[in-house]
Amino acid sequence: MTFMTVKGANNADGEFDWEGAIIDAAIIAGVTFFSSLGAGTITGIPTSTAIVAASIAAATQFCITLAIKRGLRKPEQ
């Protein structure tokens, strides 16, 4: 069993563990979605607008989490 880490993990074959990274990213994106939705609702934003905003935040967080786990960074010159 692997735990969520910033660096991601390798599977038994030594390749990047996409399954674990996607599950971790989905969990974090879900937290982002529901916290954004809750914040939008509390501040009085209409529900449809809050859902759109929360979806955008969750999709962005999902991609950012995968990028961090894959180690994407500015190329060295």
Protein backbone atom coordinates (compact mmCIF):
# COMPACT_ATOMS: atom_id res chain seq x y z
CA MET A 1 0.00 0.00 0.00
CA THR A 2 1.36 3.40 -0.93
CA PHE A 3 0.47 6.63 0.75
CA MET A 4 -0.02 10.02 -0.82
CA THR A 5 3.33 11.67 -1.38
CA VAL A 6 4.34 14.78 -3.24
CA LYS A 7 6.84 12.90 -5.40
CA GLY A 8 4.52 10.10 -6.51
CA ALA A 9 5.60 6.48 -6.48
CA ASN A 10 6.86 3.74 -8.76
CA ASN A 11 5.10 0.42 -9.20
CA ALA A 12 6.74 -3.01 -8.90
CA ASP A 13 8.12 -2.72 -12.47
CA GLY A 14 9.88 0.54 -11.59
CA GLU A 15 7.59 2.64 -13.81
CA PHE A 16 5.59 5.62 -12.61
CA ASP A 17 2.44 4.50 -10.76
CA TRP A 18 -0.28 6.25 -12.75
CA GLU A 19 -3.09 4.50 -10.88
CA GLY A 20 -1.94 5.76 -7.50
CA ALA A 21 -1.26 9.26 -8.83
CA ILE A 22 -4.71 9.52 -10.43
CA ILE A 23 -6.43 8.28 -7.27
CA ASP A 24 -4.49 10.79 -5.16
CA ALA A 25 -5.27 13.61 -7.62
CA ALA A 26 -8.98 12.66 -7.63
CA ILE A 27 -9.13 12.73 -3.83
CA ILE A 28 -7.50 16.15 -3.65
CA ALA A 29 -9.67 17.47 -6.51
CA GLY A 30 -12.77 16.20 -4.69
CA VAL A 31 -11.81 18.07 -1.55
CA THR A 32 -11.20 21.19 -3.65
CA PHE A 33 -14.58 20.80 -5.40
CA PHE A 34 -16.63 20.48 -2.24
CA SER A 35 -14.77 23.18 -0.32
CA SER A 36 -15.16 25.59 -3.27
CA LEU A 37 -18.83 24.67 -3.61
CA GLY A 38 -19.38 25.23 0.09
CA ALA A 39 -17.59 28.57 0.05
CA GLY A 40 -19.61 29.71 -2.96
CA THR A 41 -22.86 28.70 -1.32
CA ILE A 42 -22.01 30.44 1.96
CA THR A 43 -21.12 33.68 0.17
CA GLY A 44 -24.44 33.66 -1.69
CA ILE A 45 -23.26 32.83 -5.20
CA PRO A 46 -26.08 31.19 -7.23
CA THR A 47 -25.84 27.38 -7.16
CA SER A 48 -25.22 26.95 -10.90
CA THR A 49 -22.39 29.50 -10.81
CA ALA A 50 -20.90 27.88 -7.70
CA ILE A 51 -20.94 24.45 -9.38
CA VAL A 52 -19.16 25.80 -12.46
CA ALA A 53 -16.55 27.58 -10.33
CA ALA A 54 -16.00 24.51 -8.13
CA SER A 55 -15.64 22.30 -11.23
CA ILE A 56 -13.00 24.60 -12.70
CA ALA A 57 -11.12 24.67 -9.39
CA ALA A 58 -11.27 20.87 -9.07
CA ALA A 59 -10.09 20.27 -12.66
CA THR A 60 -7.22 22.68 -12.16
CA GLN A 61 -6.25 21.03 -8.87
CA PHE A 62 -6.38 17.57 -10.48
CA CYS A 63 -3.95 18.63 -13.22
CA ILE A 64 -1.66 20.45 -10.80
CA THR A 65 -1.47 17.41 -8.51
CA LEU A 66 -0.54 15.12 -11.41
CA ALA A 67 2.07 17.60 -12.61
CA ILE A 68 3.66 17.76 -9.16
CA LYS A 69 3.68 13.97 -8.80
CA ARG A 70 5.28 13.54 -12.24
CA GLY A 71 7.95 16.06 -11.26
CA LEU A 72 7.19 18.54 -14.03
CA ARG A 73 9.37 21.60 -13.72
CA LYS A 74 11.09 24.26 -15.76
CA PRO A 75 13.75 22.69 -18.02
CA GLU A 76 17.30 23.34 -16.91
CA GLN A 77 19.45 25.27 -19.36
